[in-house]
C-alpha atoms as a PDB file:
ATOM      1  CA  MET A   1     -45.486-127.869 -25.448  1.00  0.00           C
ATOM      2  CA  THR A   2     -42.527-129.913 -24.292  1.00  0.00           C
ATOM      3  CA  LYS A   3     -38.976-128.540 -24.046  1.00  0.00           C
ATOM      4  CA  LYS A   4     -37.915-130.779 -26.940  1.00  0.00           C
ATOM      5  CA  GLU A   5     -40.713-129.406 -29.147  1.00  0.00           C
ATOM      6  CA  CYS A   6     -39.649-125.841 -28.286  1.00  0.00           C
ATOM      7  CA  GLN A   7     -36.091-126.592 -29.339  1.00  0.00           C
ATOM      8  CA  ILE A   8     -37.274-128.099 -32.631  1.00  0.00           C
ATOM      9  CA  MET A   9     -39.483-125.155 -33.553  1.00  0.00           C
ATOM     10  CA  PRO A  10     -37.478-122.254 -34.956  1.00  0.00           C
ATOM     11  CA  GLN A  11     -37.700-118.932 -33.152  1.00  0.00           C
ATOM     12  CA  PRO A  12     -39.785-116.220 -34.908  1.00  0.00           C
ATOM     13  CA  TRP A  13     -36.734-114.097 -35.847  1.00  0.00           C
ATOM     14  CA  LYS A  14     -34.982-117.147 -37.324  1.00  0.00           C
ATOM     15  CA  ARG A  15     -38.090-117.925 -39.359  1.00  0.00           C
ATOM     16  CA  ARG A  16     -38.168-114.369 -40.679  1.00  0.00           C
ATOM     17  CA  VAL A  17     -34.490-114.512 -41.628  1.00  0.00           C
ATOM     18  CA  ARG A  18     -35.016-117.754 -43.527  1.00  0.00           C
ATOM     19  CA  GLN A  19     -37.867-116.179 -45.483  1.00  0.00           C
ATOM     20  CA  MET A  20     -35.726-113.208 -46.581  1.00  0.00           C
ATOM     21  CA  SER A  21     -33.984-113.248 -49.936  1.00  0.00           C
ATOM     22  CA  SER A  22     -30.189-113.129 -50.188  1.00  0.00           C
ATOM     23  CA  ALA A  23     -30.305-109.513 -51.335  1.00  0.00           C
ATOM     24  CA  GLN A  24     -32.529-108.531 -48.392  1.00  0.00           C
ATOM     25  CA  ILE A  25     -30.240-110.191 -45.876  1.00  0.00           C
ATOM     26  CA  ILE A  26     -27.141-108.508 -47.376  1.00  0.00           C
ATOM     27  CA  VAL A  27     -28.835-105.074 -47.208  1.00  0.00           C
ATOM     28  CA  THR A  28     -29.759-105.853 -43.599  1.00  0.00           C
ATOM     29  CA  PHE A  29     -26.145-106.881 -42.876  1.00  0.00           C
ATOM     30  CA  TYR A  30     -24.880-103.575 -44.230  1.00  0.00           C
ATOM     31  CA  ILE A  31     -27.378-101.657 -42.088  1.00  0.00           C
ATOM     32  CA  VAL A  32     -26.094-103.660 -39.108  1.00  0.00           C
ATOM     33  CA  ALA A  33     -22.503-102.865 -40.190  1.00  0.00           C
ATOM     34  CA  VAL A  34     -23.275 -99.128 -40.251  1.00  0.00           C
ATOM     35  CA  THR A  35     -24.925 -99.420 -36.830  1.00  0.00           C
ATOM     36  CA  LEU A  36     -21.894-101.295 -35.490  1.00  0.00           C
ATOM     37  CA  GLY A  37     -19.586 -98.637 -36.920  1.00  0.00           C
ATOM     38  CA  PHE A  38     -21.674 -95.896 -35.322  1.00  0.00           C
ATOM     39  CA  LEU A  39     -21.553 -97.640 -31.926  1.00  0.00           C
ATOM     40  CA  LEU A  40     -17.780 -98.197 -32.156  1.00  0.00           C
ATOM     41  CA  LEU A  41     -17.217 -94.509 -32.920  1.00  0.00           C
ATOM     42  CA  SER A  42     -19.434 -93.639 -29.964  1.00  0.00           C
ATOM     43  CA  ILE A  43     -17.009 -95.292 -27.520  1.00  0.00           C
ATOM     44  CA  PRO A  44     -15.383 -92.489 -25.439  1.00  0.00           C
ATOM     45  CA  GLU A  45     -11.919 -94.037 -25.916  1.00  0.00           C
ATOM     46  CA  ALA A  46     -12.312 -93.601 -29.707  1.00  0.00           C
ATOM     47  CA  LEU A  47     -12.082 -89.809 -29.341  1.00  0.00           C
ATOM     48  CA  LYS A  48      -9.317 -87.573 -28.106  1.00  0.00           C
ATOM     49  CA  PRO A  49      -9.777 -86.195 -24.575  1.00  0.00           C
ATOM     50  CA  GLY A  50     -12.224 -83.306 -24.508  1.00  0.00           C
ATOM     51  CA  VAL A  51     -13.480 -83.905 -28.052  1.00  0.00           C
ATOM     52  CA  LYS A  52     -17.180 -84.341 -28.652  1.00  0.00           C
ATOM     53  CA  LEU A  53     -18.633 -85.746 -31.862  1.00  0.00           C
ATOM     54  CA  ALA A  54     -22.235 -84.955 -32.790  1.00  0.00           C
ATOM     55  CA  PHE A  55     -24.689 -87.765 -33.493  1.00  0.00           C
ATOM     56  CA  ILE A  56     -25.037 -86.848 -37.188  1.00  0.00           C
ATOM     57  CA  ASP A  57     -21.239 -86.669 -37.595  1.00  0.00           C
ATOM     58  CA  ARG A  58     -20.733 -90.117 -36.071  1.00  0.00           C
ATOM     59  CA  LEU A  59     -23.448 -91.529 -38.320  1.00  0.00           C
ATOM     60  CA  PHE A  60     -21.985 -89.841 -41.418  1.00  0.00           C
ATOM     61  CA  ILE A  61     -18.463 -91.116 -40.703  1.00  0.00           C
ATOM     62  CA  ALA A  62     -19.786 -94.642 -40.039  1.00  0.00           C
ATOM     63  CA  VAL A  63     -21.612 -94.686 -43.387  1.00  0.00           C
ATOM     64  CA  SER A  64     -18.617 -93.167 -45.173  1.00  0.00           C
ATOM     65  CA  ALA A  65     -16.241 -95.711 -43.630  1.00  0.00           C
ATOM     66  CA  VAL A  66     -18.436 -98.761 -44.342  1.00  0.00           C
ATOM     67  CA  SER A  67     -19.013 -97.626 -47.924  1.00  0.00           C
ATOM     68  CA  VAL A  68     -15.277 -96.680 -48.148  1.00  0.00           C
ATOM     69  CA  THR A  69     -16.225 -93.255 -49.500  1.00  0.00           C
ATOM     70  CA  GLY A  70     -13.610 -91.221 -47.648  1.00  0.00           C
ATOM     71  CA  LEU A  71     -15.783 -88.192 -46.841  1.00  0.00           C
ATOM     72  CA  THR A  72     -15.715 -86.844 -43.286  1.00  0.00           C
ATOM     73  CA  PRO A  73     -17.172 -83.665 -41.729  1.00  0.00           C
ATOM     74  CA  VAL A  74     -14.360 -83.474 -39.137  1.00  0.00           C
ATOM     75  CA  SER A  75     -10.572 -83.683 -39.090  1.00  0.00           C
ATOM     76  CA  THR A  76      -9.667 -87.308 -38.401  1.00  0.00           C
ATOM     77  CA  PRO A  77      -6.351 -86.631 -36.531  1.00  0.00           C
ATOM     78  CA  ASP A  78      -7.904 -83.847 -34.462  1.00  0.00           C
ATOM     79  CA  THR A  79     -10.941 -85.918 -33.523  1.00  0.00           C
ATOM     80  CA  PHE A  80      -9.947 -89.560 -33.046  1.00  0.00           C
ATOM     81  CA  SER A  81      -7.460 -91.178 -30.665  1.00  0.00           C
ATOM     82  CA  THR A  82      -5.145 -94.060 -31.525  1.00  0.00           C
ATOM     83  CA  THR A  83      -7.953 -96.421 -30.479  1.00  0.00           C
ATOM     84  CA  GLY A  84     -10.239 -94.559 -32.839  1.00  0.00           C
ATOM     85  CA  TYR A  85      -7.779 -95.078 -35.715  1.00  0.00           C
ATOM     86  CA  PHE A  86      -7.859 -98.838 -35.202  1.00  0.00           C
ATOM     87  CA  LEU A  87     -11.664 -98.815 -34.969  1.00  0.00           C
ATOM     88  CA  LEU A  88     -11.850 -96.857 -38.217  1.00  0.00           C
ATOM     89  CA  ALA A  89      -9.476 -99.326 -39.861  1.00  0.00           C
ATOM     90  CA  PHE A  90     -11.733-102.169 -38.722  1.00  0.00           C
ATOM     91  CA  ILE A  91     -14.774-100.444 -40.237  1.00  0.00           C
ATOM     92  CA  PHE A  92     -12.827 -99.968 -43.517  1.00  0.00           C
ATOM     93  CA  GLN A  93     -12.302-103.717 -43.625  1.00  0.00           C
ATOM     94  CA  ILE A  94     -16.046-104.331 -43.422  1.00  0.00           C
ATOM     95  CA  GLY A  95     -16.662-102.136 -46.461  1.00  0.00           C
ATOM     96  CA  GLY A  96     -13.480-102.946 -48.397  1.00  0.00           C
ATOM     97  CA  ILE A  97     -13.567-106.717 -48.009  1.00  0.00           C
ATOM     98  CA  GLY A  98     -17.302-107.108 -47.744  1.00  0.00           C
ATOM     99  CA  VAL A  99     -19.726-108.029 -44.998  1.00  0.00           C
ATOM    100  CA  MET A 100     -20.208-111.598 -46.186  1.00  0.00           C
ATOM    101  CA  THR A 101     -16.475-112.283 -46.481  1.00  0.00           C
ATOM    102  CA  LEU A 102     -15.899-111.178 -42.888  1.00  0.00           C
ATOM    103  CA  SER A 103     -18.972-113.071 -41.727  1.00  0.00           C
ATOM    104  CA  THR A 104     -17.619-116.211 -43.384  1.00  0.00           C
ATOM    105  CA  PHE A 105     -14.276-115.647 -41.674  1.00  0.00           C
ATOM    106  CA  ILE A 106     -16.029-115.442 -38.284  1.00  0.00           C
ATOM    107  CA  TRP A 107     -18.063-118.569 -39.090  1.00  0.00           C
ATOM    108  CA  MET A 108     -14.876-120.455 -39.947  1.00  0.00           C
ATOM    109  CA  ILE A 109     -13.123-119.312 -36.738  1.00  0.00           C
ATOM    110  CA  LEU A 110     -16.081-120.464 -34.670  1.00  0.00           C
ATOM    111  CA  GLY A 111     -16.004-123.808 -36.478  1.00  0.00           C
ATOM    112  CA  LYS A 112     -19.512-123.280 -37.855  1.00  0.00           C
ATOM    113  CA  LYS A 113     -20.516-125.201 -40.978  1.00  0.00           C
ATOM    114  CA  ILE A 114     -21.050-122.934 -43.997  1.00  0.00           C
ATOM    115  CA  GLY A 115     -24.523-124.013 -45.110  1.00  0.00           C
ATOM    116  CA  LEU A 116     -26.487-123.527 -48.299  1.00  0.00           C
ATOM    117  CA  LYS A 117     -28.058-120.242 -47.111  1.00  0.00           C
ATOM    118  CA  GLU A 118     -24.664-118.754 -46.253  1.00  0.00           C
ATOM    119  CA  ARG A 119     -23.260-119.888 -49.587  1.00  0.00           C
ATOM    120  CA  GLN A 120     -26.145-118.227 -51.427  1.00  0.00           C
ATOM    121  CA  LEU A 121     -25.436-114.970 -49.552  1.00  0.00           C
ATOM    122  CA  ILE A 122     -21.749-115.115 -50.440  1.00  0.00           C
ATOM    123  CA  MET A 123     -22.645-115.837 -54.056  1.00  0.00           C
ATOM    124  CA  THR A 124     -24.951-112.798 -54.212  1.00  0.00           C
ATOM    125  CA  ASP A 125     -22.566-110.478 -52.345  1.00  0.00           C
ATOM    126  CA  HIS A 126     -19.660-111.283 -54.686  1.00  0.00           C
ATOM    127  CA  ASN A 127     -21.699-111.588 -57.886  1.00  0.00           C
ATOM    128  CA  GLN A 128     -20.732-115.240 -58.390  1.00  0.00           C
ATOM    129  CA  SER A 129     -22.724-117.620 -60.588  1.00  0.00           C
ATOM    130  CA  ARG A 130     -21.819-120.876 -58.846  1.00  0.00           C
ATOM    131  CA  LEU A 131     -22.153-122.177 -55.291  1.00  0.00           C
ATOM    132  CA  SER A 132     -19.143-124.458 -55.513  1.00  0.00           C
ATOM    133  CA  GLY A 133     -15.793-123.231 -54.182  1.00  0.00           C
ATOM    134  CA  LEU A 134     -17.228-120.178 -52.413  1.00  0.00           C
ATOM    135  CA  VAL A 135     -15.637-120.905 -49.017  1.00  0.00           C
ATOM    136  CA  ASP A 136     -12.232-121.326 -50.677  1.00  0.00           C
ATOM    137  CA  LEU A 137     -12.922-118.037 -52.455  1.00  0.00           C
ATOM    138  CA  MET A 138     -13.467-116.340 -49.103  1.00  0.00           C
ATOM    139  CA  ARG A 139     -10.275-117.808 -47.694  1.00  0.00           C
ATOM    140  CA  ASN A 140      -8.346-116.615 -50.721  1.00  0.00           C
ATOM    141  CA  ILE A 141      -9.780-113.111 -50.481  1.00  0.00           C
ATOM    142  CA  LEU A 142      -8.987-112.773 -46.790  1.00  0.00           C
ATOM    143  CA  PHE A 143      -5.449-114.149 -47.185  1.00  0.00           C
ATOM    144  CA  ILE A 144      -4.645-111.880 -50.145  1.00  0.00           C
ATOM    145  CA  ILE A 145      -6.063-108.691 -48.629  1.00  0.00           C
ATOM    146  CA  PHE A 146      -4.526-109.160 -45.198  1.00  0.00           C
ATOM    147  CA  ALA A 147      -1.146-110.057 -46.812  1.00  0.00           C
ATOM    148  CA  ILE A 148      -1.256-106.936 -48.987  1.00  0.00           C
ATOM    149  CA  GLU A 149      -2.142-104.715 -46.047  1.00  0.00           C
ATOM    150  CA  LEU A 150       0.545-106.280 -43.813  1.00  0.00           C
ATOM    151  CA  VAL A 151       3.316-105.912 -46.386  1.00  0.00           C
ATOM    152  CA  GLY A 152       2.174-102.353 -47.179  1.00  0.00           C
ATOM    153  CA  ALA A 153       2.107-101.420 -43.457  1.00  0.00           C
ATOM    154  CA  ILE A 154       5.620-102.755 -42.892  1.00  0.00           C
ATOM    155  CA  ILE A 155       7.072-101.036 -45.958  1.00  0.00           C
ATOM    156  CA  LEU A 156       5.395 -97.698 -45.249  1.00  0.00           C
ATOM    157  CA  GLY A 157       6.086 -97.965 -41.494  1.00  0.00           C
ATOM    158  CA  LEU A 158       9.799 -98.455 -42.047  1.00  0.00           C
ATOM    159  CA  HIS A 159       9.859 -95.567 -44.522  1.00  0.00           C
ATOM    160  CA  PHE A 160       7.922 -93.285 -42.206  1.00  0.00           C
ATOM    161  CA  LEU A 161      10.659 -93.547 -39.595  1.00  0.00           C
ATOM    162  CA  ARG A 162      12.227 -90.557 -41.374  1.00  0.00           C
ATOM    163  CA  TYR A 163       9.055 -88.509 -40.773  1.00  0.00           C
ATOM    164  CA  TYR A 164       8.146 -89.391 -37.211  1.00  0.00           C
ATOM    165  CA  SER A 165      10.236 -89.324 -34.065  1.00  0.00           C
ATOM    166  CA  SER A 166       9.049 -92.640 -32.656  1.00  0.00           C
ATOM    167  CA  TRP A 167       8.650 -96.035 -34.316  1.00  0.00           C
ATOM    168  CA  THR A 168       5.120 -96.364 -32.869  1.00  0.00           C
ATOM    169  CA  ASP A 169       4.000 -93.211 -34.714  1.00  0.00           C
ATOM    170  CA  ALA A 170       5.747 -94.317 -37.890  1.00  0.00           C
ATOM    171  CA  PHE A 171       4.130 -97.733 -37.943  1.00  0.00           C
ATOM    172  CA  LEU A 172       0.737 -96.365 -36.873  1.00  0.00           C
ATOM    173  CA  HIS A 173       0.802 -94.057 -39.889  1.00  0.00           C
ATOM    174  CA  GLY A 174       2.065 -96.897 -42.058  1.00  0.00           C
ATOM    175  CA  PHE A 175      -0.671 -99.237 -40.849  1.00  0.00           C
ATOM    176  CA  PHE A 176      -3.464 -96.729 -41.311  1.00  0.00           C
ATOM    177  CA  ALA A 177      -2.243 -95.582 -44.739  1.00  0.00           C
ATOM    178  CA  SER A 178      -1.897 -99.184 -45.916  1.00  0.00           C
ATOM    179  CA  VAL A 179      -5.395-100.236 -44.794  1.00  0.00           C
ATOM    180  CA  SER A 180      -6.984 -97.031 -46.077  1.00  0.00           C
ATOM    181  CA  ALA A 181      -5.283 -97.350 -49.477  1.00  0.00           C
ATOM    182  CA  THR A 182      -5.943-101.074 -49.917  1.00  0.00           C
ATOM    183  CA  THR A 183      -9.607-100.810 -48.979  1.00  0.00           C
ATOM    184  CA  ASN A 184      -9.861 -97.562 -51.021  1.00  0.00           C
ATOM    185  CA  ALA A 185     -11.300 -95.907 -47.913  1.00  0.00           C
ATOM    186  CA  GLY A 186      -9.826 -92.460 -48.623  1.00  0.00           C
ATOM    187  CA  PHE A 187      -9.286 -91.505 -44.959  1.00  0.00           C
ATOM    188  CA  ASP A 188      -5.987 -90.115 -43.650  1.00  0.00           C
ATOM    189  CA  ILE A 189      -4.495 -89.234 -40.278  1.00  0.00           C
ATOM    190  CA  THR A 190      -2.041 -86.567 -41.487  1.00  0.00           C
ATOM    191  CA  GLY A 191      -4.714 -83.872 -41.472  1.00  0.00           C
ATOM    192  CA  SER A 192      -3.858 -82.850 -45.048  1.00  0.00           C
ATOM    193  CA  SER A 193      -4.279 -86.066 -47.060  1.00  0.00           C
ATOM    194  CA  PHE A 194      -1.006 -87.062 -48.815  1.00  0.00           C
ATOM    195  CA  ILE A 195       0.233 -83.501 -49.327  1.00  0.00           C
ATOM    196  CA  PRO A 196       3.096 -84.070 -46.832  1.00  0.00           C
ATOM    197  CA  TYR A 197       4.375 -86.761 -49.232  1.00  0.00           C
ATOM    198  CA  ALA A 198       4.008 -84.644 -52.375  1.00  0.00           C
ATOM    199  CA  HIS A 199       7.714 -85.011 -53.117  1.00  0.00           C
ATOM    200  CA  ASP A 200       8.171 -88.465 -51.659  1.00  0.00           C
ATOM    201  CA  TYR A 201       7.827 -90.617 -54.766  1.00  0.00           C
ATOM    202  CA  PHE A 202       8.452 -93.855 -52.885  1.00  0.00           C
ATOM    203  CA  VAL A 203       5.381 -93.332 -50.693  1.00  0.00           C
ATOM    204  CA  GLN A 204       3.349 -92.392 -53.741  1.00  0.00           C
ATOM    205  CA  VAL A 205       4.360 -95.455 -55.758  1.00  0.00           C
ATOM    206  CA  VAL A 206       3.668 -97.817 -52.820  1.00  0.00           C
ATOM    207  CA  THR A 207       0.303 -96.135 -52.214  1.00  0.00           C
ATOM    208  CA  VAL A 208      -0.682 -96.351 -55.894  1.00  0.00           C
ATOM    209  CA  ILE A 209       0.194-100.075 -55.882  1.00  0.00           C
ATOM    210  CA  LEU A 210      -1.952-100.604 -52.764  1.00  0.00           C
ATOM    211  CA  ILE A 211      -4.841 -98.617 -54.261  1.00  0.00           C
ATOM    212  CA  THR A 212      -4.587-100.593 -57.490  1.00  0.00           C
ATOM    213  CA  LEU A 213      -4.462-103.978 -55.748  1.00  0.00           C
ATOM    214  CA  GLY A 214      -7.474-103.035 -53.661  1.00  0.00           C
ATOM    215  CA  ALA A 215      -9.502-101.701 -56.592  1.00  0.00           C
ATOM    216  CA  ILE A 216      -8.726-104.109 -59.412  1.00  0.00           C
ATOM    217  CA  GLY A 217     -10.988-106.840 -57.994  1.00  0.00           C
ATOM    218  CA  PHE A 218     -10.684-110.094 -56.091  1.00  0.00           C
ATOM    219  CA  PRO A 219     -10.972-112.431 -59.127  1.00  0.00           C
ATOM    220  CA  VAL A 220      -7.924-110.749 -60.690  1.00  0.00           C
ATOM    221  CA  LEU A 221      -5.907-110.940 -57.471  1.00  0.00           C
ATOM    222  CA  ILE A 222      -6.744-114.618 -57.020  1.00  0.00           C
ATOM    223  CA  GLU A 223      -5.596-115.431 -60.553  1.00  0.00           C
ATOM    224  CA  ILE A 224      -2.343-113.490 -60.018  1.00  0.00           C
ATOM    225  CA  LYS A 225      -1.790-115.421 -56.798  1.00  0.00           C
ATOM    226  CA  HIS A 226      -2.312-118.724 -58.632  1.00  0.00           C
ATOM    227  CA  TYR A 227       0.095-117.590 -61.340  1.00  0.00           C
ATOM    228  CA  PHE A 228       2.923-116.901 -58.862  1.00  0.00           C
ATOM    229  CA  LEU A 229       2.193-120.148 -56.980  1.00  0.00           C
ATOM    230  CA  THR A 230       2.503-122.166 -60.181  1.00  0.00           C
ATOM    231  CA  PHE A 231       6.016-123.507 -59.690  1.00  0.00           C
ATOM    232  CA  LYS A 232       5.913-125.622 -62.818  1.00  0.00           C
ATOM    233  CA  ASP A 233       5.691-124.304 -66.359  1.00  0.00           C
ATOM    234  CA  LYS A 234       4.147-120.817 -66.103  1.00  0.00           C
ATOM    235  CA  ARG A 235       3.727-120.780 -69.887  1.00  0.00           C
ATOM    236  CA  LYS A 236       0.825-123.228 -69.457  1.00  0.00           C
ATOM    237  CA  PHE A 237      -0.990-120.837 -67.112  1.00  0.00           C
ATOM    238  CA  GLN A 238      -3.840-118.993 -68.850  1.00  0.00           C
ATOM    239  CA  PHE A 239      -5.367-115.851 -67.396  1.00  0.00           C
ATOM    240  CA  SER A 240      -9.120-115.572 -67.909  1.00  0.00           C
ATOM    241  CA  LEU A 241     -10.620-113.106 -70.388  1.00  0.00           C
ATOM    242  CA  PHE A 242     -12.132-111.219 -67.419  1.00  0.00           C
ATOM    243  CA  THR A 243      -8.699-110.716 -65.835  1.00  0.00           C
ATOM    244  CA  LYS A 244      -7.122-109.667 -69.119  1.00  0.00           C
ATOM    245  CA  LEU A 245      -9.835-107.135 -69.952  1.00  0.00           C
ATOM    246  CA  THR A 246      -9.992-105.773 -66.399  1.00  0.00           C
ATOM    247  CA  THR A 247      -6.221-105.330 -66.121  1.00  0.00           C
ATOM    248  CA  ILE A 248      -5.836-103.768 -69.575  1.00  0.00           C
ATOM    249  CA  MET A 249      -8.682-101.309 -69.003  1.00  0.00           C
ATOM    250  CA  PHE A 250      -7.463-100.472 -65.522  1.00  0.00           C
ATOM    251  CA  PHE A 251      -3.990 -99.506 -66.737  1.00  0.00           C
ATOM    252  CA  LEU A 252      -5.324 -97.748 -69.832  1.00  0.00           C
ATOM    253  CA  LEU A 253      -7.453 -95.562 -67.556  1.00  0.00           C
ATOM    254  CA  LEU A 254      -4.447 -94.936 -65.295  1.00  0.00           C
ATOM    255  CA  ALA A 255      -2.228 -93.973 -68.208  1.00  0.00           C
ATOM    256  CA  GLY A 256      -4.986 -92.000 -69.934  1.00  0.00           C
ATOM    257  CA  GLY A 257      -5.757 -90.025 -66.773  1.00  0.00           C
ATOM    258  CA  THR A 258      -2.075 -89.256 -66.241  1.00  0.00           C
ATOM    259  CA  ILE A 259      -1.657 -87.983 -69.814  1.00  0.00           C
ATOM    260  CA  LEU A 260      -4.840 -85.896 -69.682  1.00  0.00           C
ATOM    261  CA  ILE A 261      -3.809 -84.204 -66.413  1.00  0.00           C
ATOM    262  CA  LEU A 262      -0.339 -83.466 -67.863  1.00  0.00           C
ATOM    263  CA  VAL A 263      -1.870 -81.963 -70.986  1.00  0.00           C
ATOM    264  CA  LEU A 264      -4.693 -80.006 -69.331  1.00  0.00           C
ATOM    265  CA  GLU A 265      -2.543 -78.631 -66.489  1.00  0.00           C
ATOM    266  CA  HIS A 266       0.641 -78.073 -68.542  1.00  0.00           C
ATOM    267  CA  SER A 267       0.186 -74.294 -68.459  1.00  0.00           C
ATOM    268  CA  GLY A 268      -1.799 -74.313 -65.229  1.00  0.00           C
ATOM    269  CA  PHE A 269      -0.931 -76.054 -61.959  1.00  0.00           C
ATOM    270  CA  LEU A 270       2.087 -77.824 -63.505  1.00  0.00           C
ATOM    271  CA  ALA A 271       3.487 -74.736 -65.271  1.00  0.00           C
ATOM    272  CA  ASP A 272       6.275 -74.120 -62.735  1.00  0.00           C
ATOM    273  CA  LYS A 273       6.901 -77.772 -61.866  1.00  0.00           C
ATOM    274  CA  SER A 274       9.857 -79.944 -62.960  1.00  0.00           C
ATOM    275  CA  TRP A 275       9.209 -82.928 -65.223  1.00  0.00           C
ATOM    276  CA  ASP A 276       9.347 -85.406 -62.331  1.00  0.00           C
ATOM    277  CA  GLU A 277       7.024 -83.290 -60.143  1.00  0.00           C
ATOM    278  CA  SER A 278       4.603 -82.907 -63.044  1.00  0.00           C
ATOM    279  CA  PHE A 279       4.586 -86.631 -63.805  1.00  0.00           C
ATOM    280  CA  PHE A 280       4.031 -87.748 -60.196  1.00  0.00           C
ATOM    281  CA  TYR A 281       1.358 -85.125 -59.529  1.00  0.00           C
ATOM    282  CA  ALA A 282      -0.518 -86.372 -62.620  1.00  0.00           C
ATOM    283  CA  PHE A 283       0.211 -90.048 -61.976  1.00  0.00           C
ATOM    284  CA  PHE A 284      -0.870 -90.065 -58.331  1.00  0.00           C
ATOM    285  CA  GLN A 285      -4.037 -88.011 -58.911  1.00  0.00           C
ATOM    286  CA  SER A 286      -4.984 -90.234 -61.838  1.00  0.00           C
ATOM    287  CA  ALA A 287      -4.787 -93.345 -59.617  1.00  0.00           C
ATOM    288  CA  ALA A 288      -6.230 -91.849 -56.436  1.00  0.00           C
ATOM    289  CA  THR A 289      -9.159 -89.871 -57.810  1.00  0.00           C
ATOM    290  CA  ARG A 290     -10.651 -92.990 -59.380  1.00  0.00           C
ATOM    291  CA  SER A 291     -10.760 -95.069 -56.233  1.00  0.00           C
ATOM    292  CA  GLY A 292      -8.212 -94.015 -53.598  1.00  0.00           C
ATOM    293  CA  GLY A 293      -9.731 -90.819 -52.246  1.00  0.00           C
ATOM    294  CA  VAL A 294      -6.425 -89.163 -51.267  1.00  0.00           C
ATOM    295  CA  ALA A 295      -4.405 -86.429 -52.991  1.00  0.00           C
ATOM    296  CA  THR A 296      -0.884 -84.971 -52.988  1.00  0.00           C
ATOM    297  CA  MET A 297      -2.135 -81.459 -53.756  1.00  0.00           C
ATOM    298  CA  ASN A 298      -5.115 -79.200 -53.248  1.00  0.00           C
ATOM    299  CA  ILE A 299      -7.520 -80.123 -56.061  1.00  0.00           C
ATOM    300  CA  ASN A 300      -8.775 -76.499 -56.017  1.00  0.00           C
ATOM    301  CA  GLU A 301      -5.438 -75.519 -57.576  1.00  0.00           C
ATOM    302  CA  PHE A 302      -6.272 -77.447 -60.778  1.00  0.00           C
END
């Protein structure tokens, strides 16, 4: 067989990939993402000096981070170094934004053409019914999420200057809290979730906004972006039925959860709390327990 014929014939692994369905490839990508997360957390620089992390713990944290579940068998601040925080934040992005979105971003950076197979994978991963406009969709998603996380990190970082002695610590906590909240990862580096900010209503409101923006869905965020970029007559802009229903239900659940917690804990956990403490305890827990994974109090006290 000539060299030219060898180049024309696809390699066996490429042939197998082409024969896989979109769903199979996406499942494979997520397995690869978990493996990558596990390997990143296995880097010695990811851990604090003298700390050892068992195989099963690294695997569990990798799965939890990729699936943005927020469960961890170890204390994050006592286990991971600053490098480890950034590696965790990167893994959150894989789960929060989606494997195919990040893959598309890498393809675009490398100047690779987004072919039919890749478009089918994106369509399956994001539950889209059309192939057209998928690359623009990915660009929009990446721009919106990174913009939200950046603004959140700056706002929280500046505010955290009152909590931490150095600006590097303040902005590290601001960055991690912003990424964790936006991706709904549920991890924290305070060691006690958001309990240190139980009476800081500014941090709570900003965090609830980030959690909401990260959980409400990319189609809604893209429509909101288009609304604000419509410099002409905004009265002609029409939100889709999907966006209207999603937004209404999202805020009904937020309000309903807040009211239920206020009612059920009126003579319990909230009995000795002022009206503003009671409201923000109920409000933050209503938002965070549905998708955020953080808390401003010990849930056992409910």
